[in-house]
Every structure is written in C-alpha cells, then in structure tokens.
Protein backbone atom coordinates (compact mmCIF):
# COMPACT_ATOMS: atom_id res chain seq x y z
CA MET A 1 -16.67 134.14 66.93
CA SER A 2 -17.66 136.70 64.34
CA ASP A 3 -20.18 139.45 65.00
CA THR A 4 -21.48 138.97 61.43
CA PRO A 5 -22.01 135.22 61.07
CA ARG A 6 -24.69 135.45 58.40
CA THR A 7 -22.57 137.72 56.23
CA ASP A 8 -19.57 135.46 56.72
CA LYS A 9 -21.63 132.44 55.71
CA ALA A 10 -22.99 134.24 52.64
CA TRP A 11 -19.46 135.22 51.64
CA LYS A 12 -18.25 131.63 51.90
CA THR A 13 -21.23 130.01 50.17
CA THR A 14 -21.83 132.40 47.27
CA HIS A 15 -20.00 131.86 44.01
CA SER A 16 -20.01 135.40 42.68
CA VAL A 17 -20.23 139.01 43.75
CA TYR A 18 -23.70 139.08 42.20
CA GLU A 19 -24.92 136.18 44.40
CA PHE A 20 -23.34 137.83 47.44
CA THR A 21 -25.07 141.12 46.59
CA VAL A 22 -28.43 139.37 46.19
CA GLU A 23 -28.00 137.70 49.59
CA MET A 24 -27.00 141.00 51.25
CA LYS A 25 -30.06 142.73 49.80
CA ARG A 26 -32.28 139.92 51.08
CA MET A 27 -30.75 140.22 54.57
CA GLU A 28 -31.14 144.01 54.50
CA ARG A 29 -34.85 143.69 53.61
CA GLU A 30 -35.25 141.18 56.44
CA LEU A 31 -33.49 143.58 58.84
CA ASN A 32 -35.73 146.46 57.75
CA GLU A 33 -38.85 144.36 58.36
CA ALA A 34 -37.55 143.32 61.78
CA ASN A 35 -36.88 146.96 62.67
CA LYS A 36 -40.41 147.93 61.59
CA THR A 37 -41.84 145.15 63.74
CA ILE A 38 -39.79 146.23 66.75
CA SER A 39 -40.86 149.84 66.24
CA LEU A 40 -44.55 148.85 66.09
CA GLN A 41 -44.21 146.66 69.18
CA HIS A 42 -42.57 149.52 71.07
CA GLU A 43 -45.35 151.89 70.00
CA LEU A 44 -48.03 149.40 71.10
CA MET A 45 -46.35 148.85 74.47
CA THR A 46 -46.03 152.59 75.06
CA THR A 47 -49.68 153.12 74.16
CA ALA A 48 -50.79 150.24 76.38
CA GLU A 49 -48.75 151.53 79.31
CA LYS A 50 -50.19 155.02 78.88
CA ARG A 51 -53.74 153.70 78.63
CA GLY A 52 -53.12 151.64 81.76
CA VAL A 53 -51.98 154.70 83.70
CA ASP A 54 -54.88 156.78 82.42
CA LYS A 55 -57.36 154.03 83.33
CA ALA A 56 -55.87 153.73 86.83
CA LYS A 57 -56.15 157.50 87.33
CA GLU A 58 -59.77 157.41 86.16
CA GLU A 59 -60.62 154.56 88.55
CA LEU A 60 -58.90 156.35 91.44
CA ASN A 61 -60.86 159.52 90.71
CA GLU A 62 -64.14 157.55 90.61
CA ALA A 63 -63.28 155.87 93.93
CA ASN A 64 -62.49 159.22 95.54
CA GLN A 65 -65.81 160.66 94.32
CA HIS A 66 -67.62 157.59 95.67
CA ILE A 67 -65.95 158.00 99.08
CA LYS A 68 -66.89 161.70 99.12
CA ARG A 69 -70.56 160.89 98.40
CA LEU A 70 -70.59 158.28 101.16
CA GLU A 71 -69.03 160.67 103.65
CA GLU A 72 -71.51 163.43 102.76
CA ALA A 73 -74.46 161.05 103.05
CA GLY A 74 -73.19 159.66 106.39
CA ASP A 75 -72.64 163.16 107.77
CA ALA A 76 -76.11 164.22 106.68
CA MET A 77 -77.69 161.15 108.31
CA MET A 78 -75.97 161.98 111.59
CA SER A 79 -77.27 165.55 111.63
CA GLU A 80 -80.56 166.68 113.11
CA PRO A 81 -82.96 166.75 111.35
CA CYS A 82 -81.81 164.06 108.92
CA GLU A 83 -81.58 165.50 105.43
CA TYR A 84 -81.12 162.13 103.69
CA THR A 85 -83.78 159.54 103.08
CA PHE A 86 -83.00 155.84 102.83
CA GLU A 87 -83.27 156.07 99.03
CA GLN A 88 -80.73 158.89 98.95
CA TRP A 89 -78.35 156.79 101.08
CA ILE A 90 -78.71 153.86 98.67
CA LYS A 91 -78.00 156.18 95.74
CA ALA A 92 -74.90 157.59 97.49
CA LYS A 93 -73.61 154.04 97.96
CA GLU A 94 -73.90 153.29 94.24
CA LYS A 95 -70.65 153.35 92.32
CA LYS A 96 -72.02 155.81 89.76
CA PRO A 97 -75.01 157.93 90.82
C-alpha cells in the first residue's frame, strides 16, 4: 500500500501535467487548511487546560482561606471571654466574607 494514495490516484486519473498540477495545488491548500485547524485546536486545548489549572488553584486557595476563617472563629469562640458573636460566626462560615 502506498503512503501517498491521493497523489497516486491523481496521477492515474489526470490526463495532463496541468491537470495533475491543479490537483496537487488543491490538495496542498486542503493540507494547509487542515494544519491551521489542528494548530488552532491545539492552542484552544492548551488554553483550556491552563485555565482549568488556574481555576483549580483559585478554588483551592479560596477553600484554604475559608478553612482558616472557620478555625479562627472556632478558636475565638472557645476562648474566655468569647470574642465572636453569633453573627461573626455565621459570617466566618460564609464562602466569601
């Protein structure tokens, strides 16, 4: 089996060098468009992966801040005298204060 079946077919089915040249130019334009599409798809995938990682880091940072606020509020509620009011505890439990 040939590694250039389309070229082989064009060679066999064209009747002149001109027709063969026209067909080769058409295939080259098609190849260039396919390469552009692949390049754009790769760029989009890379961007999406990066945005996914950045978003995950952001969410992890927010979760860590939330845990820290809860720990601080819990520690304050356990101390004497209690520095936190019930409203402050509710605010500490919120995802974004």
